[in-house]
Protein backbone atom coordinates (compact mmCIF):
# COMPACT_ATOMS: atom_id res chain seq x y z
CA MET A 1 131.90 -28.05 -67.45
CA ARG A 2 131.34 -31.33 -65.56
CA TYR A 3 134.80 -30.97 -64.07
CA LEU A 4 133.99 -27.50 -62.78
CA VAL A 5 130.76 -28.72 -61.21
CA LEU A 6 132.59 -31.61 -59.54
CA ALA A 7 135.29 -29.27 -58.26
CA ALA A 8 132.70 -26.95 -56.78
CA THR A 9 130.82 -29.83 -55.20
CA LEU A 10 133.92 -31.22 -53.52
CA ALA A 11 135.50 -27.91 -52.58
CA GLY A 12 137.39 -28.25 -49.31
CA SER A 13 137.99 -31.95 -49.78
CA ALA A 14 141.61 -33.10 -49.65
CA LEU A 15 141.18 -35.01 -52.90
CA PHE A 16 138.82 -35.04 -55.85
CA ALA A 17 137.54 -38.46 -56.92
CA GLN A 18 140.59 -40.63 -57.69
CA ASP A 19 142.87 -37.76 -58.68
CA TRP A 20 145.90 -39.53 -57.26
CA ALA A 21 147.99 -42.46 -58.44
CA ASN A 22 149.68 -45.12 -56.34
CA PRO A 23 152.10 -45.43 -54.73
CA VAL A 24 151.75 -42.08 -52.97
CA ILE A 25 154.96 -42.83 -51.00
CA PRO A 26 157.09 -44.91 -53.40
CA GLY A 27 159.83 -47.33 -52.46
CA ASP A 28 160.14 -49.59 -49.45
CA ASN A 29 157.72 -48.00 -46.92
CA PRO A 30 155.79 -50.83 -45.25
CA ASP A 31 153.31 -50.58 -42.36
CA PRO A 32 152.60 -46.89 -43.01
CA SER A 33 150.95 -44.83 -40.29
CA LEU A 34 149.09 -41.58 -40.80
CA VAL A 35 147.71 -38.73 -38.70
CA ARG A 36 145.98 -35.43 -39.56
CA VAL A 37 146.60 -32.32 -37.47
CA GLY A 38 144.51 -29.46 -38.86
CA ASN A 39 145.36 -29.19 -42.54
CA ASP A 40 148.63 -31.10 -42.19
CA TYR A 41 149.16 -34.82 -42.60
CA TYR A 42 152.12 -36.74 -41.18
CA ALA A 43 153.13 -40.30 -41.98
CA THR A 44 155.83 -42.74 -40.95
CA ALA A 45 156.70 -46.35 -41.83
CA THR A 46 158.72 -49.40 -40.84
CA SER A 47 162.48 -49.04 -41.30
CA SER A 48 163.48 -52.47 -39.93
CA GLY A 49 167.24 -52.83 -40.55
CA TRP A 50 167.92 -49.23 -41.64
CA ALA A 51 168.53 -45.87 -40.01
CA PRO A 52 167.43 -43.13 -39.63
CA ILE A 53 164.74 -45.15 -37.86
CA PHE A 54 161.12 -44.49 -38.93
CA PRO A 55 161.15 -41.73 -41.57
CA VAL A 56 158.64 -38.90 -41.09
CA TYR A 57 156.76 -37.53 -44.11
CA HIS A 58 154.57 -34.45 -44.47
CA SER A 59 151.73 -33.65 -46.88
CA ARG A 60 148.97 -31.08 -47.27
CA ASP A 61 146.89 -33.12 -49.74
CA LEU A 62 147.55 -36.82 -48.91
CA LYS A 63 148.95 -37.54 -52.35
CA THR A 64 152.24 -35.58 -52.40
CA TRP A 65 154.65 -36.38 -49.60
CA ARG A 66 158.05 -35.01 -48.54
CA GLN A 67 160.37 -36.48 -45.94
CA VAL A 68 160.92 -33.96 -43.13
CA GLY A 69 162.79 -36.01 -40.56
CA ALA A 70 162.85 -39.29 -38.67
CA ILE A 71 161.67 -40.51 -35.29
CA PHE A 72 165.22 -41.58 -34.34
CA GLU A 73 168.35 -40.45 -36.16
CA ARG A 74 170.16 -43.05 -34.08
CA ARG A 75 168.75 -46.11 -32.40
CA PRO A 76 167.62 -45.98 -28.76
CA GLU A 77 169.77 -47.84 -26.25
CA TRP A 78 167.31 -50.56 -25.23
CA PRO A 79 166.54 -52.38 -28.54
CA ALA A 80 168.69 -54.66 -30.69
CA GLY A 81 166.76 -54.20 -33.96
CA ASN A 82 163.50 -55.06 -35.77
CA TYR A 83 162.23 -51.48 -35.99
CA TRP A 84 158.69 -52.15 -37.15
CA ALA A 85 155.21 -50.67 -37.32
CA PRO A 86 155.47 -47.13 -35.91
CA GLU A 87 151.98 -45.73 -35.27
CA ILE A 88 151.95 -41.94 -35.12
CA THR A 89 149.18 -40.09 -33.31
CA HIS A 90 148.46 -36.64 -31.91
CA TYR A 91 146.91 -36.34 -28.46
CA ARG A 92 146.46 -33.30 -26.23
CA GLY A 93 148.87 -31.19 -28.24
CA GLN A 94 151.66 -33.76 -28.37
CA PHE A 95 152.80 -36.31 -30.95
CA TYR A 96 153.16 -39.92 -29.87
CA VAL A 97 154.60 -42.84 -31.79
CA TYR A 98 153.98 -46.38 -30.55
CA TYR A 99 156.52 -48.65 -32.22
CA THR A 100 157.91 -52.17 -32.23
CA ALA A 101 161.52 -53.19 -31.58
CA ARG A 102 163.31 -56.22 -30.21
CA LYS A 103 164.66 -55.96 -26.68
CA ARG A 104 168.32 -56.87 -26.27
CA ASP A 105 168.42 -60.57 -25.36
CA GLY A 106 164.63 -60.49 -25.21
CA PRO A 107 161.36 -60.51 -27.18
CA LEU A 108 159.68 -57.99 -29.44
CA CYS A 109 158.17 -55.10 -27.48
CA VAL A 110 155.81 -52.19 -28.06
CA ALA A 111 157.47 -48.94 -26.98
CA VAL A 112 156.58 -45.24 -27.10
CA ALA A 113 158.27 -41.95 -27.98
CA THR A 114 156.95 -38.37 -27.85
CA ALA A 115 157.64 -35.04 -29.56
CA GLY A 116 156.26 -31.52 -29.72
CA LYS A 117 156.56 -31.55 -33.53
CA ALA A 118 156.26 -34.48 -35.91
CA SER A 119 159.66 -33.59 -37.40
CA GLY A 120 161.20 -33.98 -33.95
CA PRO A 121 163.21 -34.07 -31.84
CA TRP A 122 161.64 -37.21 -30.38
CA ARG A 123 162.14 -38.48 -26.83
CA ASP A 124 162.09 -42.24 -26.30
CA HIS A 125 160.30 -43.60 -23.23
CA GLY A 126 161.13 -47.27 -23.77
CA PRO A 127 158.98 -50.41 -23.79
CA LEU A 128 155.35 -50.60 -22.63
CA VAL A 129 154.75 -54.32 -23.08
CA CYS A 130 156.97 -57.30 -23.94
CA ASP A 131 155.00 -60.57 -24.03
CA PRO A 132 157.24 -63.68 -23.90
CA ASP A 133 156.26 -64.52 -27.49
CA GLY A 134 156.51 -60.86 -28.55
CA SER A 135 154.30 -57.77 -28.62
CA ILE A 136 153.97 -55.79 -31.85
CA ASP A 137 151.86 -53.27 -33.79
CA GLY A 138 150.86 -50.86 -31.02
CA PHE A 139 148.14 -48.26 -31.62
CA ALA A 140 146.51 -45.79 -29.19
CA ILE A 141 142.84 -44.77 -29.17
CA THR A 142 140.28 -43.17 -26.86
CA ASP A 143 137.18 -45.19 -25.95
CA GLU A 144 133.56 -44.04 -25.69
CA GLY A 145 134.16 -42.92 -22.11
CA GLY A 146 137.25 -40.82 -22.85
CA ARG A 147 139.73 -43.43 -21.60
CA ARG A 148 142.95 -43.98 -23.54
CA TYR A 149 143.89 -47.53 -24.61
CA LEU A 150 146.79 -49.27 -26.30
CA ILE A 151 145.73 -51.80 -28.94
CA TYR A 152 148.42 -54.33 -29.90
CA LYS A 153 149.05 -57.82 -31.19
CA GLU A 154 150.57 -60.67 -29.20
CA ASP A 155 152.98 -62.35 -31.62
CA GLY A 156 151.79 -65.91 -30.98
CA ASN A 157 152.60 -66.97 -34.52
CA SER A 158 156.29 -66.88 -33.52
CA ARG A 159 155.48 -69.98 -31.44
CA LYS A 160 152.83 -71.46 -33.75
CA MET A 161 150.11 -70.16 -31.45
CA PRO A 162 147.05 -67.92 -32.12
CA THR A 163 147.58 -64.16 -32.40
CA PRO A 164 145.17 -62.22 -30.19
CA ILE A 165 144.78 -58.48 -30.54
CA TRP A 166 144.62 -56.92 -27.07
CA ALA A 167 143.38 -53.66 -25.57
CA GLN A 168 144.85 -52.32 -22.31
CA ARG A 169 144.42 -48.99 -20.52
CA LEU A 170 147.10 -46.35 -20.83
CA THR A 171 147.97 -43.93 -18.07
CA GLU A 172 146.90 -40.33 -18.62
CA ASP A 173 150.30 -39.40 -20.04
CA GLY A 174 150.14 -42.29 -22.54
CA LEU A 175 153.49 -43.66 -21.39
CA LYS A 176 152.56 -46.70 -19.29
CA LEU A 177 149.97 -49.49 -19.19
CA THR A 178 147.61 -50.07 -16.31
CA GLY A 179 144.90 -52.57 -15.37
CA GLU A 180 143.96 -55.81 -17.07
CA ARG A 181 143.99 -56.39 -20.82
CA THR A 182 141.01 -57.46 -22.93
CA GLU A 183 141.13 -59.60 -26.05
CA LEU A 184 139.37 -58.02 -29.04
CA ILE A 185 139.84 -60.57 -31.84
CA ARG A 186 142.15 -63.38 -32.86
CA ASN A 187 142.82 -65.28 -36.09
CA THR A 188 139.83 -67.56 -36.72
CA ALA A 189 139.04 -67.18 -40.44
CA THR A 190 140.74 -69.26 -43.13
CA TRP A 191 141.98 -66.23 -45.08
CA GLU A 192 143.70 -64.85 -41.94
CA GLY A 193 146.05 -67.83 -41.74
CA ALA A 194 148.53 -67.64 -38.88
CA VAL A 195 147.98 -63.97 -37.99
CA VAL A 196 145.74 -61.01 -37.45
CA GLU A 197 147.88 -57.91 -36.99
CA GLY A 198 148.38 -54.23 -37.80
CA PRO A 199 145.26 -53.06 -35.91
CA PHE A 200 143.77 -49.61 -36.44
CA ILE A 201 140.42 -48.61 -34.96
CA LEU A 202 138.25 -45.90 -36.52
CA PRO A 203 135.14 -44.60 -34.71
CA HIS A 204 132.33 -44.05 -37.25
CA ASN A 205 128.56 -43.71 -36.94
CA GLY A 206 128.28 -45.30 -33.52
CA TYR A 207 130.71 -48.17 -34.15
CA PHE A 208 134.38 -48.82 -33.55
CA TYR A 209 135.75 -50.30 -36.80
CA LEU A 210 138.82 -52.46 -36.23
CA PHE A 211 140.83 -52.65 -39.46
CA TYR A 212 143.43 -55.42 -39.42
CA ALA A 213 145.63 -57.47 -41.74
CA GLY A 214 145.78 -61.24 -42.06
CA GLY A 215 147.91 -63.81 -43.89
CA ALA A 216 151.62 -63.80 -44.76
CA CYS A 217 152.94 -60.25 -45.08
CA CYS A 218 156.19 -60.61 -46.88
CA GLY A 219 158.26 -62.23 -49.59
CA SER A 220 157.36 -63.65 -52.97
CA GLY A 221 154.92 -66.16 -51.44
CA CYS A 222 152.88 -63.57 -49.49
CA ASN A 223 149.07 -63.66 -49.35
CA TYR A 224 148.36 -60.66 -47.12
CA ALA A 225 144.97 -58.93 -47.18
CA GLU A 226 143.01 -56.41 -45.12
CA GLY A 227 139.91 -57.16 -43.09
CA VAL A 228 137.63 -55.32 -40.67
CA ALA A 229 135.52 -56.03 -37.59
CA ARG A 230 133.18 -53.73 -35.67
CA SER A 231 131.72 -53.22 -32.21
CA LYS A 232 129.50 -50.71 -30.42
CA HIS A 233 132.12 -50.54 -27.68
CA LEU A 234 135.88 -50.30 -27.91
CA LEU A 235 136.36 -53.43 -25.78
CA GLY A 236 133.91 -55.46 -27.85
CA PRO A 237 132.43 -57.84 -28.65
CA TYR A 238 133.58 -57.53 -32.29
CA GLU A 239 131.84 -58.90 -35.37
CA LYS A 240 134.02 -59.58 -38.40
CA ALA A 241 132.73 -58.31 -41.76
CA PRO A 242 131.00 -60.95 -43.91
CA SER A 243 132.82 -59.49 -46.94
CA ASN A 244 136.32 -60.01 -45.50
CA PRO A 245 138.91 -59.50 -46.73
CA ILE A 246 137.74 -56.05 -47.79
CA ILE A 247 141.06 -55.40 -49.63
CA PRO A 248 142.31 -58.56 -51.38
CA ALA A 249 145.05 -58.72 -54.00
CA GLY A 250 144.36 -56.92 -57.29
CA SER A 251 145.74 -57.04 -60.81
CA VAL A 252 148.47 -54.43 -60.17
CA TRP A 253 149.06 -54.64 -56.40
CA LYS A 254 149.35 -57.77 -54.28
CA CYS A 255 149.47 -58.57 -50.56
CA PRO A 256 147.80 -55.32 -49.38
CA GLY A 257 147.28 -54.40 -45.76
CA HIS A 258 148.53 -52.89 -42.46
CA GLY A 259 147.81 -49.20 -42.52
CA SER A 260 145.94 -46.38 -40.82
CA LEU A 261 143.06 -44.07 -41.62
CA VAL A 262 142.26 -40.38 -41.52
CA VAL A 263 139.13 -38.34 -42.09
CA ASP A 264 139.82 -35.24 -44.17
CA PRO A 265 138.25 -31.81 -43.46
CA SER A 266 135.33 -32.60 -45.80
CA GLY A 267 134.49 -35.83 -43.98
CA ARG A 268 135.94 -38.31 -46.49
CA THR A 269 137.86 -41.28 -45.08
CA PHE A 270 141.20 -42.39 -46.53
CA PHE A 271 143.34 -45.45 -45.87
CA LEU A 272 147.14 -45.43 -46.21
CA TYR A 273 148.51 -48.99 -46.38
CA HIS A 274 151.17 -51.05 -48.12
CA ALA A 275 151.31 -53.53 -51.00
CA TYR A 276 153.79 -55.04 -53.44
CA ASN A 277 153.61 -54.00 -57.08
CA VAL A 278 152.99 -57.21 -59.04
CA LYS A 279 155.78 -56.38 -61.50
CA ASP A 280 158.41 -54.92 -59.16
CA SER A 281 157.56 -57.28 -56.28
CA ILE A 282 160.04 -57.90 -53.45
CA TYR A 283 162.87 -56.03 -55.15
CA VAL A 284 161.24 -52.63 -54.61
CA GLY A 285 159.39 -53.73 -51.49
CA ARG A 286 156.07 -52.83 -49.94
CA GLU A 287 155.07 -49.35 -51.10
CA SER A 288 152.56 -47.01 -49.48
CA LEU A 289 149.19 -46.78 -51.26
CA LEU A 290 146.20 -44.52 -50.69
CA ASP A 291 142.56 -45.41 -51.20
CA GLU A 292 139.26 -43.90 -50.17
CA VAL A 293 137.01 -45.82 -47.79
CA THR A 294 133.29 -45.68 -48.57
CA TRP A 295 130.41 -47.18 -46.60
CA THR A 296 127.78 -49.72 -47.64
CA ASP A 297 124.09 -49.49 -46.74
CA ALA A 298 124.77 -52.12 -44.06
CA GLY A 299 127.37 -49.83 -42.50
CA TRP A 300 130.47 -51.75 -43.49
CA PRO A 301 133.56 -50.06 -44.99
CA GLU A 302 134.45 -50.77 -48.61
CA VAL A 303 137.54 -50.00 -50.69
CA ASN A 304 137.45 -49.89 -54.50
CA GLY A 305 134.34 -52.05 -54.62
CA GLY A 306 136.22 -54.99 -53.08
CA ARG A 307 138.41 -55.36 -56.17
CA GLY A 308 141.69 -54.78 -54.35
CA PRO A 309 143.86 -51.64 -54.38
CA SER A 310 143.02 -48.97 -56.96
CA SER A 311 145.22 -49.66 -59.95
CA ALA A 312 146.05 -46.15 -61.22
CA GLN A 313 149.86 -46.06 -61.23
CA LYS A 314 152.35 -43.24 -61.18
CA PRO A 315 154.57 -43.13 -64.28
CA ALA A 316 158.29 -43.62 -63.81
CA GLY A 317 159.64 -40.48 -62.17
CA PRO A 318 162.75 -38.51 -63.03
CA GLY A 319 164.89 -40.64 -60.72
CA PHE A 320 167.25 -39.20 -58.14
CA GLU A 321 170.52 -37.28 -58.24
CA ASP A 322 172.81 -36.07 -55.47
CA THR A 323 175.82 -33.89 -56.25
CA PHE A 324 176.66 -33.50 -52.54
CA ASN A 325 176.58 -29.71 -52.40
CA ALA A 326 174.48 -29.53 -49.24
CA PRO A 327 176.14 -29.59 -45.79
CA ALA A 328 174.17 -32.71 -44.86
CA LEU A 329 172.88 -35.81 -46.62
CA THR A 330 169.65 -35.40 -48.58
CA PRO A 331 166.67 -37.02 -46.78
CA GLY A 332 166.18 -40.61 -47.93
CA TRP A 333 169.75 -41.81 -47.47
CA GLN A 334 169.98 -44.73 -45.04
CA TRP A 335 172.62 -46.77 -43.23
CA PRO A 336 172.69 -49.80 -40.89
CA PRO A 337 171.73 -48.65 -37.36
CA ASP A 338 174.70 -50.45 -35.79
CA ASN A 339 177.21 -49.36 -38.42
CA GLU A 340 176.78 -45.65 -39.06
CA PRO A 341 179.64 -44.40 -41.27
CA LYS A 342 181.53 -41.17 -40.78
CA ILE A 343 180.12 -38.71 -43.32
CA ARG A 344 181.08 -35.24 -44.54
CA THR A 345 179.32 -33.67 -47.46
CA GLY A 346 179.47 -30.29 -49.19
CA GLY A 347 181.20 -28.52 -52.04
CA GLY A 348 180.25 -31.28 -54.46
CA THR A 349 181.93 -34.11 -52.54
CA LEU A 350 180.80 -36.89 -50.23
CA ARG A 351 183.54 -38.13 -47.92
CA MET A 352 182.72 -41.45 -46.29
CA GLU A 353 184.67 -43.86 -44.13
CA PRO A 354 183.88 -46.70 -41.73
CA ALA A 355 183.47 -46.00 -38.04
CA GLU A 356 186.27 -48.54 -37.53
CA PRO A 357 189.13 -49.33 -39.98
CA ALA A 358 188.08 -52.30 -42.11
CA ASN A 359 190.19 -52.60 -45.24
CA GLY A 360 189.19 -55.72 -47.14
CA ASN A 361 185.48 -55.46 -46.28
CA PHE A 362 183.86 -53.89 -49.33
CA THR A 363 180.82 -52.76 -47.30
CA ALA A 364 182.55 -51.59 -44.11
CA ALA A 365 180.95 -48.18 -44.74
CA ILE A 366 177.63 -47.93 -46.54
CA ILE A 367 174.87 -45.46 -47.29
CA ALA A 368 171.94 -46.51 -49.43
CA ARG A 369 168.65 -45.52 -50.99
CA SER A 370 165.45 -47.46 -51.50
CA PRO A 371 164.71 -48.03 -55.22
CA THR A 372 161.31 -47.07 -56.64
CA HIS A 373 161.47 -49.38 -59.68
CA ALA A 374 162.81 -52.87 -60.35
CA ASP A 375 164.37 -51.65 -63.63
CA LEU A 376 166.94 -48.92 -63.14
CA SER A 377 170.45 -47.67 -63.73
CA ALA A 378 172.57 -46.16 -60.96
CA LEU A 379 175.99 -44.55 -61.25
CA THR A 380 178.57 -42.85 -59.11
CA SER A 381 181.95 -41.17 -59.51
CA VAL A 382 184.83 -42.24 -57.27
CA GLY A 383 187.95 -40.17 -56.63
CA VAL A 384 190.51 -42.92 -57.18
CA ALA A 385 193.49 -40.68 -56.46
CA HIS A 386 192.16 -40.07 -52.93
CA LEU A 387 192.02 -43.76 -52.02
CA ALA A 388 194.74 -45.11 -49.76
CA PRO A 389 196.44 -48.34 -50.83
CA GLY A 390 194.10 -51.29 -50.28
CA VAL A 391 190.99 -49.13 -49.82
CA SER A 392 188.01 -49.66 -52.11
CA ALA A 393 184.95 -47.55 -52.95
CA GLY A 394 182.04 -48.29 -55.24
CA ILE A 395 178.39 -49.04 -55.89
CA ALA A 396 176.33 -52.08 -54.88
CA GLY A 397 173.03 -53.86 -54.72
CA TYR A 398 172.64 -54.47 -50.99
CA GLY A 399 170.28 -56.78 -49.14
CA ASP A 400 172.01 -56.93 -45.77
CA ALA A 401 175.50 -57.35 -44.34
CA ARG A 402 175.63 -60.98 -45.51
CA ASN A 403 174.09 -60.57 -48.97
CA ALA A 404 175.27 -57.98 -51.48
CA LEU A 405 177.07 -57.57 -54.80
CA GLY A 406 178.83 -54.65 -56.43
CA LEU A 407 181.67 -52.96 -58.27
CA VAL A 408 184.49 -51.14 -56.47
CA ALA A 409 187.54 -49.16 -57.50
CA THR A 410 190.92 -49.29 -55.78
CA GLN A 411 194.16 -47.50 -56.67
CA ALA A 412 195.16 -50.52 -58.75
CA ALA A 413 192.02 -52.23 -60.05
CA LEU A 414 188.30 -52.43 -60.61
CA VAL A 415 186.82 -55.36 -58.70
CA LEU A 416 183.43 -56.99 -59.31
CA TRP A 417 182.36 -58.93 -56.21
CA ARG A 418 179.48 -60.98 -54.86
CA ARG A 419 178.55 -61.95 -51.28
CA GLU A 420 175.97 -64.61 -50.39
CA ASN A 421 175.33 -65.92 -46.87
CA GLY A 422 178.42 -64.07 -45.68
CA ALA A 423 180.84 -65.61 -48.21
CA THR A 424 182.46 -63.01 -50.51
CA THR A 425 183.77 -63.94 -53.97
CA VAL A 426 185.72 -61.77 -56.43
CA VAL A 427 183.98 -62.33 -59.76
CA SER A 428 186.14 -60.23 -62.06
CA GLU A 429 189.05 -57.80 -61.85
CA THR A 430 190.67 -55.37 -64.29
CA PRO A 431 193.70 -53.04 -63.85
CA LEU A 432 193.10 -49.33 -63.19
CA ASP A 433 195.43 -46.35 -62.92
CA THR A 434 194.95 -43.40 -60.59
CA ARG A 435 194.46 -40.60 -63.14
CA GLY A 436 191.28 -38.71 -62.30
CA PRO A 437 187.94 -40.07 -61.07
CA VAL A 438 186.26 -43.17 -62.46
CA ARG A 439 182.54 -43.58 -63.02
CA LEU A 440 180.87 -46.84 -62.05
CA ARG A 441 177.45 -47.91 -63.34
CA MET A 442 175.08 -50.60 -62.15
CA THR A 443 172.07 -51.57 -64.30
CA ILE A 444 169.31 -53.72 -62.82
CA VAL A 445 166.69 -55.54 -64.88
CA ALA A 446 163.59 -57.04 -63.24
CA GLY A 447 165.09 -56.41 -59.81
CA ARG A 448 167.47 -59.35 -59.97
CA ARG A 449 169.71 -59.19 -63.08
CA PHE A 450 172.74 -56.98 -62.44
CA HIS A 451 175.15 -55.57 -65.04
CA PHE A 452 178.19 -53.40 -64.30
CA ALA A 453 180.26 -51.01 -66.43
CA TRP A 454 182.83 -48.27 -65.95
CA SER A 455 183.88 -45.06 -67.69
CA ARG A 456 186.39 -42.25 -67.44
CA ASP A 457 184.30 -39.59 -69.19
CA GLY A 458 180.73 -40.73 -68.48
CA LYS A 459 180.10 -41.25 -72.22
CA SER A 460 182.11 -44.28 -73.29
CA TRP A 461 181.30 -47.26 -71.07
CA LYS A 462 183.18 -50.53 -70.74
CA PRO A 463 181.40 -53.58 -69.32
CA LEU A 464 182.98 -55.58 -66.53
CA GLY A 465 182.19 -59.23 -65.94
CA THR A 466 178.99 -61.00 -66.90
CA GLU A 467 175.43 -60.70 -65.66
CA LEU A 468 175.11 -61.39 -61.93
CA GLU A 469 171.97 -62.97 -60.49
CA GLY A 470 170.75 -61.01 -57.45
CA GLY A 471 167.45 -62.68 -56.66
CA TYR A 472 168.83 -63.76 -53.27
CA LEU A 473 169.47 -60.21 -52.07
CA PRO A 474 166.26 -58.89 -50.46
CA PRO A 475 165.65 -59.81 -46.82
CA TRP A 476 162.23 -61.42 -46.24
CA ASP A 477 160.64 -58.12 -45.17
CA LEU A 478 162.68 -55.51 -47.06
CA ALA A 479 163.81 -54.54 -50.55
CA THR A 480 167.24 -54.46 -52.14
CA ARG A 481 168.96 -51.08 -51.58
CA ILE A 482 171.13 -49.12 -54.03
CA ALA A 483 174.29 -48.40 -52.05
CA LEU A 484 177.55 -46.52 -52.03
CA THR A 485 180.25 -48.56 -50.30
CA ALA A 486 183.75 -48.02 -48.94
CA SER A 487 186.28 -50.12 -47.05
CA GLY A 488 188.18 -47.04 -45.85
CA ALA A 489 188.18 -43.27 -46.38
CA ALA A 490 186.72 -42.51 -49.83
CA GLU A 491 185.36 -39.59 -51.87
CA PHE A 492 182.38 -39.55 -54.25
CA ASP A 493 181.29 -36.56 -56.32
CA LEU A 494 178.10 -37.86 -57.93
CA PHE A 495 175.26 -40.32 -57.36
CA ARG A 496 172.40 -40.81 -59.78
CA ILE A 497 169.50 -43.25 -60.14
CA GLU A 498 167.53 -43.38 -63.37
CA ALA A 499 164.41 -45.54 -63.65
CA PRO A 500 163.77 -46.42 -67.30
CA ALA A 501 160.95 -48.54 -68.63
CA ARG A 502 161.70 -52.26 -68.61
CA GLY A 503 162.56 -52.28 -72.31
CA ALA A 504 164.98 -49.40 -71.87
CA ALA A 505 166.68 -51.10 -68.93
CA ALA A 506 167.08 -54.31 -70.91
CA ALA A 507 168.49 -52.40 -73.86
CA ALA A 508 170.94 -50.58 -71.60
CA SER A 509 172.20 -53.81 -70.07
CA THR A 510 172.57 -55.38 -73.51
CA ALA A 511 174.47 -52.36 -74.81
CA ALA A 512 176.82 -52.45 -71.83
CA HIS A 513 177.95 -55.92 -72.81
CA ARG A 514 178.45 -55.44 -76.52
């Protein structure tokens, strides 16, 4: 009965009280941005060294999300990389995304792209601002007089300098800056460390609330947290909350921060932001969490009573499987922006080859997925008979082009390999004939212990090599990917990721080496 009363009381609200579990967008989705348009919610996130650049997600309830596209399927011409912090907004019937990227032979810049629909196609308009020490984390908002402003961070920490957050007028079309800029806040509190960044401003009850992150965002030594400041006017002066940080680390999630807020149709305020799971840590990356923002009697925002992110966790999902029957890759596959492979898929087969011939480079062609757990098993099936002499195809744990490890099949052998700081070593090799496909399996325990095995029938598995240590794989700001690799033209007819509990993963890796 109490449930029915609560449901009636909150009818029309996007969410009942804590009826969701985090992460709402699992896997490596840092710096999430969120916008509501009517009854639809759209989100995007940092993609950094992966394409498609800035995935776009859709939801009707804030807790269940589906990828519906990307801002850029292929990188724009002007940047060299560092695709960070896309901030999606809807203004005068059009979608805008203000994003960060590094200019070729230049600094980090805030740029802008527009679209009629969140799913695209998007049109890039290039950089708005490129401070000599870098400009990042752009966000657009309208002030109390109806004027549009860009809020962004000057990346002073790159030169061991303070990190001011600036406001500067936008032209009416939102595509250029005009006038002088005004400093809103900078890093002054001990907990903020070298940075304040990731600004998002929410107007509420006569104040502009500037949510921002401080501390070290990334890696195993991170100490990120979320703070807030407020002002009666968009351009300040701002007063920082006496309770900062309002979202510190918790028992389940650490290093929380950098997100955006929406108000649902019932008037409740929600914050989408990122954090590392304490257990899965850097190997899964910064996942997107959702929490409700409430308001104290003094008018300050509060999240989960100041105890850190809400700790309700999603159970391990069913994993992921692709049998390559669709005429295009399933959303969620990624590849390096400067090394897009040639792909054909359909009829139960993925055909992949490098853009340029590269026999001998195990990762010349690569597509990958972001893991959602640090304990998992992944397998694929390679058509050995279709490989040309000297060409390899297989499965890998992939950090970046210089750091990876995996198992490949050739016409003549199975090869276990490891690459660290650009140096590739063959760890183990066993003969293989060309009859039929071969299945390759990679089991990961605690994100860093890798075991490999192979099978002809998918039932009887033979281990190859010994346990490989992969703790070096993740880049400082990203997670290890689960990848399919090829050094030339190759065919795959199955890809599967299973995410068992830690005990099950450990048992699987032990069994593979009996």
